[in-house]
Amino acid sequence: MRTLNYILAIASLVVGITLCIFAFAIDGLSTTLGVILGILLIINGVLRLWLLKTQSRKPPASTEDTGEKAN
């Protein structure tokens, strides 16, 4: 599942940056729907990568916390 989230985060960043560049090339510096969607995709990709990074820092749950006995 972590690999899929990483792939989707990178894809979101690439598509968002490409969409912003394309929208700016067509319409200049005016804010259009393409720019807004591109910025949202970039934010989505950055948040996904940040959440993946924070989840990988968490220590694994030990059996002491759950009260289960190890075999």
PDB file of N, CA and C in Angstrom:
ATOM      1  N   MET A   1       0.818  -1.191   0.000  1.00  0.00           N
ATOM      2  CA  MET A   1       0.000   0.000   0.000  1.00  0.00           C
ATOM      3  C   MET A   1       0.867   1.263   0.000  1.00  0.00           C
ATOM      4  N   ARG A   2       2.009   1.193   0.673  1.00  0.00           N
ATOM      5  CA  ARG A   2       2.893   2.349   0.737  1.00  0.00           C
ATOM      6  C   ARG A   2       3.456   2.677  -0.643  1.00  0.00           C
ATOM      7  N   THR A   3       3.753   1.635  -1.432  1.00  0.00           N
ATOM      8  CA  THR A   3       4.287   1.853  -2.775  1.00  0.00           C
ATOM      9  C   THR A   3       3.248   2.520  -3.664  1.00  0.00           C
ATOM     10  N   LEU A   4       1.992   2.101  -3.560  1.00  0.00           N
ATOM     11  CA  LEU A   4       0.926   2.706  -4.358  1.00  0.00           C
ATOM     12  C   LEU A   4       0.749   4.183  -3.998  1.00  0.00           C
ATOM     13  N   ASN A   5       0.790   4.510  -2.715  1.00  0.00           N
ATOM     14  CA  ASN A   5       0.683   5.911  -2.300  1.00  0.00           C
ATOM     15  C   ASN A   5       1.848   6.742  -2.832  1.00  0.00           C
ATOM     16  N   TYR A   6       3.040   6.162  -2.824  1.00  0.00           N
ATOM     17  CA  TYR A   6       4.205   6.868  -3.352  1.00  0.00           C
ATOM     18  C   TYR A   6       4.049   7.121  -4.844  1.00  0.00           C
ATOM     19  N   ILE A   7       3.598   6.116  -5.590  1.00  0.00           N
ATOM     20  CA  ILE A   7       3.399   6.273  -7.035  1.00  0.00           C
ATOM     21  C   ILE A   7       2.337   7.328  -7.321  1.00  0.00           C
ATOM     22  N   LEU A   8       1.239   7.304  -6.574  1.00  0.00           N
ATOM     23  CA  LEU A   8       0.182   8.295  -6.779  1.00  0.00           C
ATOM     24  C   LEU A   8       0.641   9.702  -6.408  1.00  0.00           C
ATOM     25  N   ALA A   9       1.470   9.827  -5.396  1.00  0.00           N
ATOM     26  CA  ALA A   9       1.985  11.142  -5.006  1.00  0.00           C
ATOM     27  C   ALA A   9       2.875  11.723  -6.099  1.00  0.00           C
ATOM     28  N   ILE A  10       3.771  10.906  -6.631  1.00  0.00           N
ATOM     29  CA  ILE A  10       4.661  11.377  -7.686  1.00  0.00           C
ATOM     30  C   ILE A  10       3.863  11.708  -8.951  1.00  0.00           C
ATOM     31  N   ALA A  11       2.889  10.846  -9.290  1.00  0.00           N
ATOM     32  CA  ALA A  11       2.059  11.093 -10.470  1.00  0.00           C
ATOM     33  C   ALA A  11       1.268  12.389 -10.315  1.00  0.00           C
ATOM     34  N   SER A  12       0.749  12.632  -9.116  1.00  0.00           N
ATOM     35  CA  SER A  12      -0.005  13.850  -8.863  1.00  0.00           C
ATOM     36  C   SER A  12       0.878  15.089  -9.018  1.00  0.00           C
ATOM     37  N   LEU A  13       2.097  15.011  -8.510  1.00  0.00           N
ATOM     38  CA  LEU A  13       3.020  16.133  -8.659  1.00  0.00           C
ATOM     39  C   LEU A  13       3.354  16.400 -10.128  1.00  0.00           C
ATOM     40  N   VAL A  14       3.656  15.338 -10.864  1.00  0.00           N
ATOM     41  CA  VAL A  14       4.039  15.502 -12.266  1.00  0.00           C
ATOM     42  C   VAL A  14       2.882  16.062 -13.090  1.00  0.00           C
ATOM     43  N   VAL A  15       1.688  15.504 -12.905  1.00  0.00           N
ATOM     44  CA  VAL A  15       0.526  15.979 -13.660  1.00  0.00           C
ATOM     45  C   VAL A  15       0.191  17.423 -13.276  1.00  0.00           C
ATOM     46  N   GLY A  16       0.280  17.752 -11.993  1.00  0.00           N
ATOM     47  CA  GLY A  16      -0.006  19.113 -11.547  1.00  0.00           C
ATOM     48  C   GLY A  16       0.958  20.129 -12.109  1.00  0.00           C
ATOM     49  N   ILE A  17       2.243  19.816 -12.095  1.00  0.00           N
ATOM     50  CA  ILE A  17       3.245  20.735 -12.642  1.00  0.00           C
ATOM     51  C   ILE A  17       3.055  20.888 -14.148  1.00  0.00           C
ATOM     52  N   THR A  18       2.815  19.760 -14.829  1.00  0.00           N
ATOM     53  CA  THR A  18       2.599  19.810 -16.277  1.00  0.00           C
ATOM     54  C   THR A  18       1.365  20.630 -16.623  1.00  0.00           C
ATOM     55  N   LEU A  19       0.297  20.443 -15.873  1.00  0.00           N
ATOM     56  CA  LEU A  19      -0.936  21.190 -16.119  1.00  0.00           C
ATOM     57  C   LEU A  19      -0.734  22.689 -15.899  1.00  0.00           C
ATOM     58  N   CYS A  20      -0.007  23.063 -14.853  1.00  0.00           N
ATOM     59  CA  CYS A  20       0.262  24.486 -14.606  1.00  0.00           C
ATOM     60  C   CYS A  20       1.106  25.087 -15.726  1.00  0.00           C
ATOM     61  N   ILE A  21       2.139  24.376 -16.139  1.00  0.00           N
ATOM     62  CA  ILE A  21       2.991  24.886 -17.224  1.00  0.00           C
ATOM     63  C   ILE A  21       2.179  25.035 -18.507  1.00  0.00           C
ATOM     64  N   PHE A  22       1.369  24.039 -18.815  1.00  0.00           N
ATOM     65  CA  PHE A  22       0.553  24.089 -20.023  1.00  0.00           C
ATOM     66  C   PHE A  22      -0.454  25.241 -19.954  1.00  0.00           C
ATOM     67  N   ALA A  23      -1.104  25.418 -18.796  1.00  0.00           N
ATOM     68  CA  ALA A  23      -2.095  26.493 -18.656  1.00  0.00           C
ATOM     69  C   ALA A  23      -1.433  27.865 -18.746  1.00  0.00           C
ATOM     70  N   PHE A  24      -0.246  28.011 -18.154  1.00  0.00           N
ATOM     71  CA  PHE A  24       0.456  29.283 -18.249  1.00  0.00           C
ATOM     72  C   PHE A  24       0.926  29.550 -19.672  1.00  0.00           C
ATOM     73  N   ALA A  25       1.304  28.510 -20.390  1.00  0.00           N
ATOM     74  CA  ALA A  25       1.765  28.687 -21.771  1.00  0.00           C
ATOM     75  C   ALA A  25       0.616  29.122 -22.686  1.00  0.00           C
ATOM     76  N   ILE A  26      -0.582  28.618 -22.423  1.00  0.00           N
ATOM     77  CA  ILE A  26      -1.730  28.950 -23.269  1.00  0.00           C
ATOM     78  C   ILE A  26      -2.310  30.324 -22.919  1.00  0.00           C
ATOM     79  N   ASP A  27      -2.546  30.568 -21.614  1.00  0.00           N
ATOM     80  CA  ASP A  27      -3.270  31.764 -21.189  1.00  0.00           C
ATOM     81  C   ASP A  27      -2.403  32.841 -20.559  1.00  0.00           C
ATOM     82  N   GLY A  28      -1.124  32.678 -20.499  1.00  0.00           N
ATOM     83  CA  GLY A  28      -0.286  33.660 -19.827  1.00  0.00           C
ATOM     84  C   GLY A  28      -0.399  33.509 -18.325  1.00  0.00           C
ATOM     85  N   LEU A  29      -0.349  34.602 -17.608  1.00  0.00           N
ATOM     86  CA  LEU A  29      -0.371  34.540 -16.152  1.00  0.00           C
ATOM     87  C   LEU A  29      -1.775  34.663 -15.554  1.00  0.00           C
ATOM     88  N   SER A  30      -2.800  34.551 -16.378  1.00  0.00           N
ATOM     89  CA  SER A  30      -4.152  34.630 -15.833  1.00  0.00           C
ATOM     90  C   SER A  30      -4.516  33.313 -15.125  1.00  0.00           C
ATOM     91  N   THR A  31      -5.286  33.432 -14.067  1.00  0.00           N
ATOM     92  CA  THR A  31      -5.696  32.257 -13.305  1.00  0.00           C
ATOM     93  C   THR A  31      -6.871  31.592 -14.008  1.00  0.00           C
ATOM     94  N   THR A  32      -6.659  30.368 -14.417  1.00  0.00           N
ATOM     95  CA  THR A  32      -7.697  29.612 -15.101  1.00  0.00           C
ATOM     96  C   THR A  32      -7.982  28.338 -14.311  1.00  0.00           C
ATOM     97  N   LEU A  33      -8.953  27.598 -14.770  1.00  0.00           N
ATOM     98  CA  LEU A  33      -9.293  26.336 -14.124  1.00  0.00           C
ATOM     99  C   LEU A  33      -8.122  25.367 -14.160  1.00  0.00           C
ATOM    100  N   GLY A  34      -7.358  25.373 -15.243  1.00  0.00           N
ATOM    101  CA  GLY A  34      -6.194  24.488 -15.347  1.00  0.00           C
ATOM    102  C   GLY A  34      -5.149  24.790 -14.299  1.00  0.00           C
ATOM    103  N   VAL A  35      -4.917  26.058 -14.029  1.00  0.00           N
ATOM    104  CA  VAL A  35      -3.940  26.448 -13.009  1.00  0.00           C
ATOM    105  C   VAL A  35      -4.424  26.025 -11.629  1.00  0.00           C
ATOM    106  N   ILE A  36      -5.683  26.253 -11.352  1.00  0.00           N
ATOM    107  CA  ILE A  36      -6.235  25.891 -10.044  1.00  0.00           C
ATOM    108  C   ILE A  36      -6.167  24.385  -9.830  1.00  0.00           C
ATOM    109  N   LEU A  37      -6.542  23.613 -10.840  1.00  0.00           N
ATOM    110  CA  LEU A  37      -6.460  22.158 -10.716  1.00  0.00           C
ATOM    111  C   LEU A  37      -5.010  21.694 -10.591  1.00  0.00           C
ATOM    112  N   GLY A  38      -4.120  22.330 -11.321  1.00  0.00           N
ATOM    113  CA  GLY A  38      -2.705  21.992 -11.213  1.00  0.00           C
ATOM    114  C   GLY A  38      -2.164  22.237  -9.816  1.00  0.00           C
ATOM    115  N   ILE A  39      -2.524  23.374  -9.233  1.00  0.00           N
ATOM    116  CA  ILE A  39      -2.075  23.692  -7.875  1.00  0.00           C
ATOM    117  C   ILE A  39      -2.654  22.691  -6.870  1.00  0.00           C
ATOM    118  N   LEU A  40      -3.911  22.324  -7.040  1.00  0.00           N
ATOM    119  CA  LEU A  40      -4.518  21.324  -6.142  1.00  0.00           C
ATOM    120  C   LEU A  40      -3.827  19.971  -6.267  1.00  0.00           C
ATOM    121  N   LEU A  41      -3.460  19.582  -7.481  1.00  0.00           N
ATOM    122  CA  LEU A  41      -2.733  18.317  -7.669  1.00  0.00           C
ATOM    123  C   LEU A  41      -1.347  18.370  -7.030  1.00  0.00           C
ATOM    124  N   ILE A  42      -0.689  19.509  -7.139  1.00  0.00           N
ATOM    125  CA  ILE A  42       0.624  19.656  -6.506  1.00  0.00           C
ATOM    126  C   ILE A  42       0.496  19.561  -4.994  1.00  0.00           C
ATOM    127  N   ILE A  43      -0.494  20.230  -4.427  1.00  0.00           N
ATOM    128  CA  ILE A  43      -0.722  20.164  -2.972  1.00  0.00           C
ATOM    129  C   ILE A  43      -1.036  18.737  -2.552  1.00  0.00           C
ATOM    130  N   ASN A  44      -1.844  18.033  -3.337  1.00  0.00           N
ATOM    131  CA  ASN A  44      -2.178  16.645  -3.040  1.00  0.00           C
ATOM    132  C   ASN A  44      -0.922  15.781  -3.023  1.00  0.00           C
ATOM    133  N   GLY A  45      -0.057  15.946  -4.015  1.00  0.00           N
ATOM    134  CA  GLY A  45       1.168  15.159  -4.067  1.00  0.00           C
ATOM    135  C   GLY A  45       2.094  15.445  -2.902  1.00  0.00           C
ATOM    136  N   VAL A  46       2.232  16.725  -2.549  1.00  0.00           N
ATOM    137  CA  VAL A  46       3.099  17.090  -1.430  1.00  0.00           C
ATOM    138  C   VAL A  46       2.552  16.530  -0.115  1.00  0.00           C
ATOM    139  N   LEU A  47       1.247  16.623   0.089  1.00  0.00           N
ATOM    140  CA  LEU A  47       0.655  16.089   1.316  1.00  0.00           C
ATOM    141  C   LEU A  47       0.807  14.570   1.401  1.00  0.00           C
ATOM    142  N   ARG A  48       0.622  13.880   0.283  1.00  0.00           N
ATOM    143  CA  ARG A  48       0.810  12.420   0.276  1.00  0.00           C
ATOM    144  C   ARG A  48       2.241  12.046   0.642  1.00  0.00           C
ATOM    145  N   LEU A  49       3.220  12.757   0.051  1.00  0.00           N
ATOM    146  CA  LEU A  49       4.617  12.464   0.373  1.00  0.00           C
ATOM    147  C   LEU A  49       4.930  12.780   1.825  1.00  0.00           C
ATOM    148  N   TRP A  50       4.383  13.875   2.334  1.00  0.00           N
ATOM    149  CA  TRP A  50       4.622  14.241   3.732  1.00  0.00           C
ATOM    150  C   TRP A  50       4.027  13.202   4.679  1.00  0.00           C
ATOM    151  N   LEU A  51       2.805  12.739   4.379  1.00  0.00           N
ATOM    152  CA  LEU A  51       2.178  11.729   5.228  1.00  0.00           C
ATOM    153  C   LEU A  51       2.926  10.402   5.160  1.00  0.00           C
ATOM    154  N   LEU A  52       3.435  10.034   3.998  1.00  0.00           N
ATOM    155  CA  LEU A  52       4.241   8.819   3.897  1.00  0.00           C
ATOM    156  C   LEU A  52       5.504   8.938   4.738  1.00  0.00           C
ATOM    157  N   LYS A  53       6.104  10.125   4.737  1.00  0.00           N
ATOM    158  CA  LYS A  53       7.323  10.335   5.509  1.00  0.00           C
ATOM    159  C   LYS A  53       7.047  10.257   7.008  1.00  0.00           C
ATOM    160  N   THR A  54       5.941  10.840   7.456  1.00  0.00           N
ATOM    161  CA  THR A  54       5.632  10.803   8.889  1.00  0.00           C
ATOM    162  C   THR A  54       5.202   9.412   9.340  1.00  0.00           C
ATOM    163  N   GLN A  55       4.546   8.644   8.465  1.00  0.00           N
ATOM    164  CA  GLN A  55       4.152   7.283   8.827  1.00  0.00           C
ATOM    165  C   GLN A  55       5.352   6.359   8.919  1.00  0.00           C
ATOM    166  N   SER A  56       6.378   6.599   8.125  1.00  0.00           N
ATOM    167  CA  SER A  56       7.548   5.732   8.157  1.00  0.00           C
ATOM    168  C   SER A  56       8.395   5.980   9.402  1.00  0.00           C
ATOM    169  N   ARG A  57       8.217   7.099  10.082  1.00  0.00           N
ATOM    170  CA  ARG A  57       8.973   7.401  11.299  1.00  0.00           C
ATOM    171  C   ARG A  57       8.385   6.740  12.539  1.00  0.00           C
ATOM    172  N   LYS A  58       7.116   6.318  12.489  1.00  0.00           N
ATOM    173  CA  LYS A  58       6.483   5.737  13.662  1.00  0.00           C
ATOM    174  C   LYS A  58       7.128   4.393  13.990  1.00  0.00           C
ATOM    175  N   PRO A  59       7.413   4.150  15.271  1.00  0.00           N
ATOM    176  CA  PRO A  59       7.975   2.850  15.636  1.00  0.00           C
ATOM    177  C   PRO A  59       6.899   1.762  15.529  1.00  0.00           C
ATOM    178  N   PRO A  60       7.303   0.540  15.250  1.00  0.00           N
ATOM    179  CA  PRO A  60       6.308  -0.536  15.163  1.00  0.00           C
ATOM    180  C   PRO A  60       5.668  -0.790  16.518  1.00  0.00           C
ATOM    181  N   ALA A  61       4.422  -1.191  16.487  1.00  0.00           N
ATOM    182  CA  ALA A  61       3.692  -1.454  17.726  1.00  0.00           C
ATOM    183  C   ALA A  61       4.276  -2.689  18.394  1.00  0.00           C
ATOM    184  N   SER A  62       4.521  -2.586  19.677  1.00  0.00           N
ATOM    185  CA  SER A  62       5.057  -3.730  20.403  1.00  0.00           C
ATOM    186  C   SER A  62       3.910  -4.542  20.983  1.00  0.00           C
ATOM    187  N   THR A  63       4.215  -5.762  21.381  1.00  0.00           N
ATOM    188  CA  THR A  63       3.180  -6.622  21.950  1.00  0.00           C
ATOM    189  C   THR A  63       2.836  -6.195  23.372  1.00  0.00           C
ATOM    190  N   GLU A  64       3.705  -5.385  23.997  1.00  0.00           N
ATOM    191  CA  GLU A  64       3.432  -4.923  25.362  1.00  0.00           C
ATOM    192  C   GLU A  64       2.262  -3.950  25.397  1.00  0.00           C
ATOM    193  N   ASP A  65       2.120  -3.136  24.351  1.00  0.00           N
ATOM    194  CA  ASP A  65       1.051  -2.141  24.313  1.00  0.00           C
ATOM    195  C   ASP A  65      -0.319  -2.781  24.167  1.00  0.00           C
ATOM    196  N   THR A  66      -0.401  -3.897  23.439  1.00  0.00           N
ATOM    197  CA  THR A  66      -1.699  -4.505  23.165  1.00  0.00           C
ATOM    198  C   THR A  66      -2.105  -5.529  24.208  1.00  0.00           C
ATOM    199  N   GLY A  67      -1.155  -5.942  25.013  1.00  0.00           N
ATOM    200  CA  GLY A  67      -1.469  -6.944  26.026  1.00  0.00           C
ATOM    201  C   GLY A  67      -1.423  -8.360  25.501  1.00  0.00           C
ATOM    202  N   GLU A  68      -1.044  -8.539  24.256  1.00  0.00           N
ATOM    203  CA  GLU A  68      -0.965  -9.897  23.678  1.00  0.00           C
ATOM    204  C   GLU A  68       0.355 -10.538  24.094  1.00  0.00           C
ATOM    205  N   LYS A  69       0.320 -11.853  24.195  1.00  0.00           N
ATOM    206  CA  LYS A  69       1.530 -12.595  24.534  1.00  0.00           C
ATOM    207  C   LYS A  69       2.207 -13.065  23.254  1.00  0.00           C
ATOM    208  N   ALA A  70       3.529 -12.942  23.238  1.00  0.00           N
ATOM    209  CA  ALA A  70       4.282 -13.414  22.084  1.00  0.00           C
ATOM    210  C   ALA A  70       4.433 -14.924  22.176  1.00  0.00           C
ATOM    211  N   ASN A  71       4.422 -15.598  21.034  1.00  0.00           N
ATOM    212  CA  ASN A  71       4.568 -17.063  21.037  1.00  0.00           C
ATOM    213  C   ASN A  71       5.997 -17.482  21.153  1.00  0.00           C
TER     214      ASN A  71
END
